[in-house]
C-alpha atoms as a PDB file:
ATOM      1  CA  MET A   1     -86.239 -52.213  31.115  1.00  0.00           C
ATOM      2  CA  LYS A   2     -84.133 -51.899  27.947  1.00  0.00           C
ATOM      3  CA  THR A   3     -86.653 -49.496  26.428  1.00  0.00           C
ATOM      4  CA  ARG A   4     -86.679 -47.449  29.622  1.00  0.00           C
ATOM      5  CA  ILE A   5     -82.880 -47.161  29.703  1.00  0.00           C
ATOM      6  CA  ILE A   6     -82.592 -46.225  26.022  1.00  0.00           C
ATOM      7  CA  SER A   7     -85.386 -43.679  26.359  1.00  0.00           C
ATOM      8  CA  ALA A   8     -83.736 -42.118  29.413  1.00  0.00           C
ATOM      9  CA  ALA A   9     -80.361 -41.941  27.650  1.00  0.00           C
ATOM     10  CA  VAL A  10     -81.885 -40.196  24.626  1.00  0.00           C
ATOM     11  CA  GLY A  11     -83.776 -37.802  26.881  1.00  0.00           C
ATOM     12  CA  ILE A  12     -80.629 -36.885  28.821  1.00  0.00           C
ATOM     13  CA  VAL A  13     -78.703 -36.228  25.608  1.00  0.00           C
ATOM     14  CA  ILE A  14     -81.448 -33.948  24.294  1.00  0.00           C
ATOM     15  CA  LEU A  15     -81.725 -32.169  27.644  1.00  0.00           C
ATOM     16  CA  PHE A  16     -78.022 -31.359  27.835  1.00  0.00           C
ATOM     17  CA  ALA A  17     -77.898 -30.430  24.153  1.00  0.00           C
ATOM     18  CA  VAL A  18     -80.521 -27.687  24.527  1.00  0.00           C
ATOM     19  CA  LEU A  19     -79.402 -26.677  28.026  1.00  0.00           C
ATOM     20  CA  LEU A  20     -75.704 -26.254  27.220  1.00  0.00           C
ATOM     21  CA  CYS A  21     -76.357 -24.552  23.876  1.00  0.00           C
ATOM     22  CA  PRO A  22     -75.254 -20.902  24.141  1.00  0.00           C
ATOM     23  CA  TYR A  23     -78.295 -19.881  22.093  1.00  0.00           C
ATOM     24  CA  THR A  24     -80.901 -19.676  24.850  1.00  0.00           C
ATOM     25  CA  TRP A  25     -83.711 -19.238  22.322  1.00  0.00           C
ATOM     26  CA  LEU A  26     -83.304 -22.939  21.526  1.00  0.00           C
ATOM     27  CA  PHE A  27     -83.936 -23.806  25.186  1.00  0.00           C
ATOM     28  CA  ALA A  28     -86.968 -21.498  25.143  1.00  0.00           C
ATOM     29  CA  LEU A  29     -88.379 -23.224  22.047  1.00  0.00           C
ATOM     30  CA  ALA A  30     -87.844 -26.660  23.594  1.00  0.00           C
ATOM     31  CA  LEU A  31     -89.566 -25.647  26.838  1.00  0.00           C
ATOM     32  CA  ALA A  32     -92.445 -24.062  24.920  1.00  0.00           C
ATOM     33  CA  ALA A  33     -92.968 -27.314  23.012  1.00  0.00           C
ATOM     34  CA  VAL A  34     -92.850 -29.407  26.202  1.00  0.00           C
ATOM     35  CA  ALA A  35     -95.254 -26.993  27.911  1.00  0.00           C
ATOM     36  CA  GLY A  36     -97.734 -27.376  25.049  1.00  0.00           C
ATOM     37  CA  ILE A  37     -97.445 -31.164  25.207  1.00  0.00           C
ATOM     38  CA  ALA A  38     -97.886 -31.128  28.992  1.00  0.00           C
ATOM     39  CA  VAL A  39    -101.076 -29.063  28.735  1.00  0.00           C
ATOM     40  CA  PHE A  40    -102.433 -31.407  26.061  1.00  0.00           C
ATOM     41  CA  GLU A  41    -101.707 -34.398  28.278  1.00  0.00           C
ATOM     42  CA  LEU A  42    -103.325 -32.823  31.327  1.00  0.00           C
ATOM     43  CA  LEU A  43    -106.501 -31.770  29.528  1.00  0.00           C
ATOM     44  CA  HIS A  44    -106.995 -34.237  26.659  1.00  0.00           C
ATOM     45  CA  ASN A  45    -105.304 -37.479  27.666  1.00  0.00           C
ATOM     46  CA  THR A  46    -107.033 -37.398  31.044  1.00  0.00           C
ATOM     47  CA  GLY A  47    -110.410 -36.747  29.443  1.00  0.00           C
ATOM     48  CA  LEU A  48    -110.979 -33.777  31.753  1.00  0.00           C
ATOM     49  CA  VAL A  49    -111.554 -31.314  28.893  1.00  0.00           C
ATOM     50  CA  LYS A  50    -113.598 -32.420  25.901  1.00  0.00           C
ATOM     51  CA  ASN A  51    -114.271 -29.078  24.217  1.00  0.00           C
ATOM     52  CA  SER A  52    -111.845 -28.721  21.304  1.00  0.00           C
ATOM     53  CA  THR A  53    -111.825 -24.899  21.377  1.00  0.00           C
ATOM     54  CA  LEU A  54    -110.922 -24.845  25.052  1.00  0.00           C
ATOM     55  CA  LEU A  55    -108.270 -27.527  24.526  1.00  0.00           C
ATOM     56  CA  ILE A  56    -106.602 -25.839  21.563  1.00  0.00           C
ATOM     57  CA  SER A  57    -106.647 -22.392  23.173  1.00  0.00           C
ATOM     58  CA  SER A  58    -105.077 -23.812  26.349  1.00  0.00           C
ATOM     59  CA  VAL A  59    -102.272 -25.502  24.415  1.00  0.00           C
ATOM     60  CA  VAL A  60    -101.636 -22.330  22.380  1.00  0.00           C
ATOM     61  CA  TYR A  61    -101.555 -20.265  25.554  1.00  0.00           C
ATOM     62  CA  GLY A  62     -99.048 -22.666  27.100  1.00  0.00           C
ATOM     63  CA  VAL A  63     -96.670 -22.306  24.162  1.00  0.00           C
ATOM     64  CA  CYS A  64     -97.111 -18.529  23.921  1.00  0.00           C
ATOM     65  CA  GLN A  65     -96.607 -18.001  27.663  1.00  0.00           C
ATOM     66  CA  VAL A  66     -93.139 -19.527  27.616  1.00  0.00           C
ATOM     67  CA  LEU A  67     -92.094 -17.766  24.409  1.00  0.00           C
ATOM     68  CA  ALA A  68     -93.466 -14.433  25.640  1.00  0.00           C
ATOM     69  CA  PHE A  69     -91.439 -14.721  28.828  1.00  0.00           C
ATOM     70  CA  TYR A  70     -88.301 -15.122  26.741  1.00  0.00           C
ATOM     71  CA  THR A  71     -89.026 -12.050  24.636  1.00  0.00           C
ATOM     72  CA  HIS A  72     -90.566  -9.755  27.264  1.00  0.00           C
ATOM     73  CA  GLN A  73     -90.505 -10.970  30.857  1.00  0.00           C
ATOM     74  CA  THR A  74     -92.761  -8.223  32.230  1.00  0.00           C
ATOM     75  CA  ALA A  75     -95.452  -7.999  29.576  1.00  0.00           C
ATOM     76  CA  CYS A  76     -95.848 -11.769  29.405  1.00  0.00           C
ATOM     77  CA  TRP A  77     -97.674 -11.802  32.737  1.00  0.00           C
ATOM     78  CA  VAL A  78    -100.630 -10.171  30.994  1.00  0.00           C
ATOM     79  CA  LEU A  79    -101.186 -13.396  29.063  1.00  0.00           C
ATOM     80  CA  PRO A  80    -102.687 -15.366  32.003  1.00  0.00           C
ATOM     81  CA  LEU A  81    -105.280 -12.607  32.390  1.00  0.00           C
ATOM     82  CA  VAL A  82    -106.104 -12.709  28.677  1.00  0.00           C
ATOM     83  CA  TYR A  83    -106.333 -16.497  28.780  1.00  0.00           C
ATOM     84  CA  GLY A  84    -108.538 -16.409  31.880  1.00  0.00           C
ATOM     85  CA  LEU A  85    -110.854 -13.869  30.265  1.00  0.00           C
ATOM     86  CA  PHE A  86    -111.077 -16.005  27.136  1.00  0.00           C
ATOM     87  CA  VAL A  87    -112.028 -19.066  29.190  1.00  0.00           C
ATOM     88  CA  LEU A  88    -114.677 -17.036  31.010  1.00  0.00           C
ATOM     89  CA  LEU A  89    -116.218 -15.784  27.772  1.00  0.00           C
ATOM     90  CA  LEU A  90    -116.064 -19.250  26.222  1.00  0.00           C
ATOM     91  CA  VAL A  91    -117.938 -20.760  29.175  1.00  0.00           C
ATOM     92  CA  LEU A  92    -120.609 -18.078  28.805  1.00  0.00           C
ATOM     93  CA  ALA A  93    -120.878 -18.594  25.049  1.00  0.00           C
ATOM     94  CA  ARG A  94    -121.043 -22.396  25.353  1.00  0.00           C
ATOM     95  CA  HIS A  95    -123.005 -22.544  28.611  1.00  0.00           C
ATOM     96  CA  GLU A  96    -125.358 -25.178  27.243  1.00  0.00           C
ATOM     97  CA  THR A  97    -122.565 -27.702  26.689  1.00  0.00           C
ATOM     98  CA  MET A  98    -119.775 -26.406  28.920  1.00  0.00           C
ATOM     99  CA  THR A  99    -119.899 -25.970  32.678  1.00  0.00           C
ATOM    100  CA  VAL A 100    -118.034 -23.568  34.915  1.00  0.00           C
ATOM    101  CA  SER A 101    -116.173 -26.614  36.273  1.00  0.00           C
ATOM    102  CA  ASP A 102    -114.891 -27.397  32.764  1.00  0.00           C
ATOM    103  CA  GLY A 103    -113.472 -23.907  32.362  1.00  0.00           C
ATOM    104  CA  GLY A 104    -112.087 -23.779  35.879  1.00  0.00           C
ATOM    105  CA  CYS A 105    -110.417 -27.174  35.509  1.00  0.00           C
ATOM    106  CA  ALA A 106    -108.775 -26.174  32.228  1.00  0.00           C
ATOM    107  CA  PHE A 107    -107.617 -22.824  33.592  1.00  0.00           C
ATOM    108  CA  PHE A 108    -106.120 -24.242  36.798  1.00  0.00           C
ATOM    109  CA  LEU A 109    -104.385 -27.247  35.249  1.00  0.00           C
ATOM    110  CA  THR A 110    -102.975 -25.146  32.411  1.00  0.00           C
ATOM    111  CA  LEU A 111    -101.486 -22.589  34.784  1.00  0.00           C
ATOM    112  CA  TYR A 112    -100.273 -25.401  37.048  1.00  0.00           C
ATOM    113  CA  ALA A 113     -98.083 -26.743  34.245  1.00  0.00           C
ATOM    114  CA  VAL A 114     -97.220 -23.639  32.245  1.00  0.00           C
ATOM    115  CA  LEU A 115     -96.028 -21.394  35.069  1.00  0.00           C
ATOM    116  CA  GLY A 116     -93.597 -24.119  36.124  1.00  0.00           C
ATOM    117  CA  PHE A 117     -92.028 -24.303  32.658  1.00  0.00           C
ATOM    118  CA  THR A 118     -91.964 -20.503  32.480  1.00  0.00           C
ATOM    119  CA  ALA A 119     -90.060 -20.350  35.759  1.00  0.00           C
ATOM    120  CA  LEU A 120     -87.641 -23.005  34.489  1.00  0.00           C
ATOM    121  CA  LEU A 121     -86.889 -20.752  31.531  1.00  0.00           C
ATOM    122  CA  GLY A 122     -86.468 -17.813  33.908  1.00  0.00           C
ATOM    123  CA  LEU A 123     -83.866 -19.761  35.841  1.00  0.00           C
ATOM    124  CA  ARG A 124     -81.954 -20.438  32.615  1.00  0.00           C
ATOM    125  CA  ILE A 125     -81.829 -16.861  31.328  1.00  0.00           C
ATOM    126  CA  SER A 126     -81.292 -15.040  34.635  1.00  0.00           C
ATOM    127  CA  GLY A 127     -77.659 -14.171  35.239  1.00  0.00           C
ATOM    128  CA  ASP A 128     -74.793 -15.263  33.023  1.00  0.00           C
ATOM    129  CA  ASN A 129     -74.778 -18.411  30.899  1.00  0.00           C
ATOM    130  CA  ASN A 130     -73.034 -20.643  33.450  1.00  0.00           C
ATOM    131  CA  LYS A 131     -75.211 -19.468  36.305  1.00  0.00           C
ATOM    132  CA  GLY A 132     -78.353 -20.176  34.294  1.00  0.00           C
ATOM    133  CA  ILE A 133     -77.201 -23.717  33.529  1.00  0.00           C
ATOM    134  CA  MET A 134     -76.407 -24.327  37.196  1.00  0.00           C
ATOM    135  CA  GLN A 135     -79.808 -23.097  38.314  1.00  0.00           C
ATOM    136  CA  VAL A 136     -81.712 -25.314  35.882  1.00  0.00           C
ATOM    137  CA  LEU A 137     -79.673 -28.383  36.846  1.00  0.00           C
ATOM    138  CA  LEU A 138     -80.339 -27.666  40.521  1.00  0.00           C
ATOM    139  CA  THR A 139     -84.071 -27.350  39.854  1.00  0.00           C
ATOM    140  CA  LEU A 140     -84.120 -30.681  38.052  1.00  0.00           C
ATOM    141  CA  ALA A 141     -81.843 -32.444  40.528  1.00  0.00           C
ATOM    142  CA  ILE A 142     -83.875 -31.649  43.660  1.00  0.00           C
ATOM    143  CA  PRO A 143     -87.086 -33.501  42.657  1.00  0.00           C
ATOM    144  CA  TRP A 144     -85.474 -36.179  40.492  1.00  0.00           C
ATOM    145  CA  MET A 145     -82.904 -37.172  43.113  1.00  0.00           C
ATOM    146  CA  SER A 146     -85.597 -37.063  45.788  1.00  0.00           C
ATOM    147  CA  ASP A 147     -87.638 -39.485  43.708  1.00  0.00           C
ATOM    148  CA  THR A 148     -84.621 -41.722  43.101  1.00  0.00           C
ATOM    149  CA  GLY A 149     -83.626 -41.710  46.762  1.00  0.00           C
ATOM    150  CA  ALA A 150     -87.196 -42.416  47.840  1.00  0.00           C
ATOM    151  CA  TYR A 151     -87.436 -45.341  45.440  1.00  0.00           C
ATOM    152  CA  PHE A 152     -84.318 -47.159  46.634  1.00  0.00           C
ATOM    153  CA  THR A 153     -84.904 -46.354  50.304  1.00  0.00           C
ATOM    154  CA  GLY A 154     -88.465 -47.591  49.955  1.00  0.00           C
ATOM    155  CA  VAL A 155     -87.372 -50.809  48.249  1.00  0.00           C
ATOM    156  CA  PHE A 156     -84.957 -51.744  51.047  1.00  0.00           C
ATOM    157  CA  PHE A 157     -86.568 -50.191  54.117  1.00  0.00           C
ATOM    158  CA  GLY A 158     -90.120 -49.189  53.188  1.00  0.00           C
ATOM    159  CA  LYS A 159     -92.837 -50.506  55.501  1.00  0.00           C
ATOM    160  CA  HIS A 160     -95.287 -47.698  56.189  1.00  0.00           C
ATOM    161  CA  LYS A 161     -97.406 -46.635  53.206  1.00  0.00           C
ATOM    162  CA  MET A 162     -97.555 -42.918  52.583  1.00  0.00           C
ATOM    163  CA  ALA A 163    -100.548 -42.616  50.244  1.00  0.00           C
ATOM    164  CA  PRO A 164    -101.778 -46.157  49.470  1.00  0.00           C
ATOM    165  CA  VAL A 165    -104.751 -45.066  47.365  1.00  0.00           C
ATOM    166  CA  ILE A 166    -102.953 -42.473  45.230  1.00  0.00           C
ATOM    167  CA  SER A 167     -99.497 -44.032  44.999  1.00  0.00           C
ATOM    168  CA  PRO A 168     -99.285 -47.514  46.610  1.00  0.00           C
ATOM    169  CA  LYS A 169     -95.497 -47.783  46.266  1.00  0.00           C
ATOM    170  CA  LYS A 170     -94.624 -44.628  48.204  1.00  0.00           C
ATOM    171  CA  THR A 171     -93.574 -45.112  51.818  1.00  0.00           C
ATOM    172  CA  TRP A 172     -92.648 -42.765  54.646  1.00  0.00           C
ATOM    173  CA  GLU A 173     -89.231 -44.383  54.881  1.00  0.00           C
ATOM    174  CA  GLY A 174     -88.703 -43.632  51.205  1.00  0.00           C
ATOM    175  CA  PHE A 175     -89.942 -40.076  51.713  1.00  0.00           C
ATOM    176  CA  PHE A 176     -87.350 -39.256  54.372  1.00  0.00           C
ATOM    177  CA  GLY A 177     -84.639 -41.125  52.485  1.00  0.00           C
ATOM    178  CA  GLY A 178     -85.425 -39.032  49.437  1.00  0.00           C
ATOM    179  CA  LEU A 179     -85.048 -35.802  51.425  1.00  0.00           C
ATOM    180  CA  PHE A 180     -81.491 -36.627  52.498  1.00  0.00           C
ATOM    181  CA  VAL A 181     -80.498 -37.943  49.052  1.00  0.00           C
ATOM    182  CA  SER A 182     -81.888 -34.799  47.436  1.00  0.00           C
ATOM    183  CA  ALA A 183     -80.097 -32.485  49.871  1.00  0.00           C
ATOM    184  CA  GLY A 184     -76.789 -34.324  49.526  1.00  0.00           C
ATOM    185  CA  SER A 185     -77.077 -34.448  45.741  1.00  0.00           C
ATOM    186  CA  ALA A 186     -77.850 -30.720  45.533  1.00  0.00           C
ATOM    187  CA  MET A 187     -74.735 -29.808  47.525  1.00  0.00           C
ATOM    188  CA  LEU A 188     -72.498 -32.167  45.560  1.00  0.00           C
ATOM    189  CA  LEU A 189     -73.917 -30.955  42.246  1.00  0.00           C
ATOM    190  CA  MET A 190     -73.429 -27.284  43.042  1.00  0.00           C
ATOM    191  CA  TYR A 191     -69.924 -27.877  44.416  1.00  0.00           C
ATOM    192  CA  TRP A 192     -68.948 -29.809  41.288  1.00  0.00           C
ATOM    193  CA  LEU A 193     -70.484 -27.215  38.971  1.00  0.00           C
ATOM    194  CA  GLN A 194     -68.679 -24.375  40.729  1.00  0.00           C
ATOM    195  CA  GLN A 195     -65.398 -26.246  40.276  1.00  0.00           C
ATOM    196  CA  LEU A 196     -66.222 -26.917  36.638  1.00  0.00           C
ATOM    197  CA  MET A 197     -67.414 -23.370  35.932  1.00  0.00           C
ATOM    198  CA  PRO A 198     -65.448 -21.166  38.370  1.00  0.00           C
ATOM    199  CA  SER A 199     -66.217 -18.015  36.409  1.00  0.00           C
ATOM    200  CA  SER A 200     -69.817 -18.242  37.550  1.00  0.00           C
ATOM    201  CA  ALA A 201     -70.298 -16.638  40.948  1.00  0.00           C
ATOM    202  CA  SER A 202     -72.194 -18.671  43.502  1.00  0.00           C
ATOM    203  CA  LEU A 203     -75.496 -17.141  44.545  1.00  0.00           C
ATOM    204  CA  LEU A 204     -75.474 -18.846  47.930  1.00  0.00           C
ATOM    205  CA  PRO A 205     -73.092 -20.933  50.089  1.00  0.00           C
ATOM    206  CA  ILE A 206     -73.034 -24.641  49.264  1.00  0.00           C
ATOM    207  CA  TRP A 207     -74.814 -25.681  52.463  1.00  0.00           C
ATOM    208  CA  VAL A 208     -77.749 -23.393  51.623  1.00  0.00           C
ATOM    209  CA  TYR A 209     -78.434 -25.411  48.479  1.00  0.00           C
ATOM    210  CA  GLY A 210     -78.716 -28.507  50.646  1.00  0.00           C
ATOM    211  CA  LEU A 211     -81.153 -26.681  52.907  1.00  0.00           C
ATOM    212  CA  LEU A 212     -83.176 -25.536  49.905  1.00  0.00           C
ATOM    213  CA  ALA A 213     -83.354 -29.111  48.629  1.00  0.00           C
ATOM    214  CA  PHE A 214     -84.393 -30.381  52.066  1.00  0.00           C
ATOM    215  CA  LEU A 215     -87.222 -27.820  52.160  1.00  0.00           C
ATOM    216  CA  LEU A 216     -88.345 -28.108  48.533  1.00  0.00           C
ATOM    217  CA  ALA A 217     -88.160 -31.894  48.137  1.00  0.00           C
ATOM    218  CA  PRO A 218     -91.380 -32.402  50.168  1.00  0.00           C
ATOM    219  CA  LEU A 219     -93.162 -30.019  47.805  1.00  0.00           C
ATOM    220  CA  SER A 220     -91.898 -32.037  44.850  1.00  0.00           C
ATOM    221  CA  VAL A 221     -93.421 -35.136  46.458  1.00  0.00           C
ATOM    222  CA  CYS A 222     -96.714 -33.260  46.789  1.00  0.00           C
ATOM    223  CA  GLY A 223     -96.510 -32.391  43.091  1.00  0.00           C
ATOM    224  CA  ASP A 224     -95.899 -36.040  42.242  1.00  0.00           C
ATOM    225  CA  LEU A 225     -98.857 -37.143  44.387  1.00  0.00           C
ATOM    226  CA  PHE A 226    -101.125 -34.475  42.887  1.00  0.00           C
ATOM    227  CA  ALA A 227    -100.262 -35.631  39.363  1.00  0.00           C
ATOM    228  CA  SER A 228    -100.855 -39.239  40.426  1.00  0.00           C
ATOM    229  CA  ALA A 229    -104.235 -38.281  41.898  1.00  0.00           C
ATOM    230  CA  ILE A 230    -105.273 -36.817  38.549  1.00  0.00           C
ATOM    231  CA  LYS A 231    -104.243 -40.021  36.769  1.00  0.00           C
ATOM    232  CA  ARG A 232    -106.121 -42.162  39.290  1.00  0.00           C
ATOM    233  CA  HIS A 233    -109.215 -40.036  38.854  1.00  0.00           C
ATOM    234  CA  SER A 234    -108.943 -40.272  35.062  1.00  0.00           C
ATOM    235  CA  GLY A 235    -108.181 -43.996  35.026  1.00  0.00           C
ATOM    236  CA  ILE A 236    -104.894 -43.739  33.138  1.00  0.00           C
ATOM    237  CA  LYS A 237    -101.448 -45.131  33.960  1.00  0.00           C
ATOM    238  CA  ASP A 238     -99.318 -42.489  32.230  1.00  0.00           C
ATOM    239  CA  TYR A 239    -100.035 -39.050  30.847  1.00  0.00           C
ATOM    240  CA  GLY A 240     -98.562 -39.965  27.484  1.00  0.00           C
ATOM    241  CA  ASN A 241     -95.842 -41.839  25.647  1.00  0.00           C
ATOM    242  CA  LEU A 242     -93.400 -39.050  24.875  1.00  0.00           C
ATOM    243  CA  MET A 243     -90.643 -41.096  26.509  1.00  0.00           C
ATOM    244  CA  PRO A 244     -91.343 -44.830  26.075  1.00  0.00           C
ATOM    245  CA  GLY A 245     -91.056 -46.564  29.410  1.00  0.00           C
ATOM    246  CA  HIS A 246     -91.269 -43.275  31.306  1.00  0.00           C
ATOM    247  CA  GLY A 247     -94.566 -41.794  30.183  1.00  0.00           C
ATOM    248  CA  GLY A 248     -95.390 -38.318  28.989  1.00  0.00           C
ATOM    249  CA  ALA A 249     -94.060 -34.831  29.677  1.00  0.00           C
ATOM    250  CA  MET A 250     -96.097 -34.479  32.861  1.00  0.00           C
ATOM    251  CA  ASP A 251     -94.873 -37.835  34.136  1.00  0.00           C
ATOM    252  CA  ARG A 252     -91.314 -36.487  34.029  1.00  0.00           C
ATOM    253  CA  PHE A 253     -91.985 -32.899  35.110  1.00  0.00           C
ATOM    254  CA  ASP A 254     -94.907 -33.244  37.536  1.00  0.00           C
ATOM    255  CA  SER A 255     -92.682 -32.459  40.529  1.00  0.00           C
ATOM    256  CA  VAL A 256     -90.444 -29.978  38.705  1.00  0.00           C
ATOM    257  CA  VAL A 257     -93.300 -27.610  37.811  1.00  0.00           C
ATOM    258  CA  ILE A 258     -94.177 -27.296  41.496  1.00  0.00           C
ATOM    259  CA  ILE A 259     -90.782 -26.232  42.812  1.00  0.00           C
ATOM    260  CA  ALA A 260     -89.477 -24.285  39.785  1.00  0.00           C
ATOM    261  CA  PRO A 261     -91.498 -21.085  40.482  1.00  0.00           C
ATOM    262  CA  ILE A 262     -90.537 -21.163  44.184  1.00  0.00           C
ATOM    263  CA  LEU A 263     -86.846 -21.719  43.479  1.00  0.00           C
ATOM    264  CA  TYR A 264     -86.934 -19.020  40.789  1.00  0.00           C
ATOM    265  CA  MET A 265     -88.245 -16.449  43.267  1.00  0.00           C
ATOM    266  CA  ILE A 266     -85.742 -17.504  45.944  1.00  0.00           C
ATOM    267  CA  LEU A 267     -82.683 -17.408  43.688  1.00  0.00           C
ATOM    268  CA  LEU A 268     -83.746 -14.256  41.867  1.00  0.00           C
ATOM    269  CA  TYR A 269     -84.928 -12.107  44.752  1.00  0.00           C
ATOM    270  CA  VAL A 270     -83.585 -13.593  47.976  1.00  0.00           C
ATOM    271  CA  GLY A 271     -80.281 -14.792  46.570  1.00  0.00           C
END
């Protein structure tokens, strides 16, 4: 428990240091590094991809995708096509030792992680500095507070298992408790941030953020369950040991990468 608390404290300090830094390129570099680590965990630590060329190219693509979005948000969307074409050609060239399933698995899991981190960067650099900070904190708060609320609700009231094979500790009582905790936390967070940073115009009324959290929290649970299913299939407990006591990058961001692209599109285009 001590290791877990210390690790969380260090992680929070680093998160706020790069997030609050006015030089957004530092946040982009940090996200690019985490994206590369996440891809490595998904493909290598799970044992799903054994070909070194495919592994290295996937990690490099993950880093480049995030950095390219920071430098040129439109042109960067060509990179997934280039990466997909490379995987296709690699499968053809190594058809004797590599199957189509290997290439497809690497391509899907890489995009699954990388596009989420790319969207998180988009939320940070869209609008003014304060607005970007608020949007990132909201994106992190929705899944993390849902998970926290689900945990404590499940401990005290949980009786009906939600997915006993994939995640034995999750309960339906915890699920619904997490929804309300996430929605309440999102509204309180955005209200507090708007008081703290009044120069930043609100994209939406406070109650809408609660509604967004209530709608997106279930998707974050799905992301958590999907990541857990991969670990169960691979026979591992954690994706890595980036944060001792908490696991790897994907253990911390498995639910964030699911909702970040959706929230990015909502806040950017609908808002």
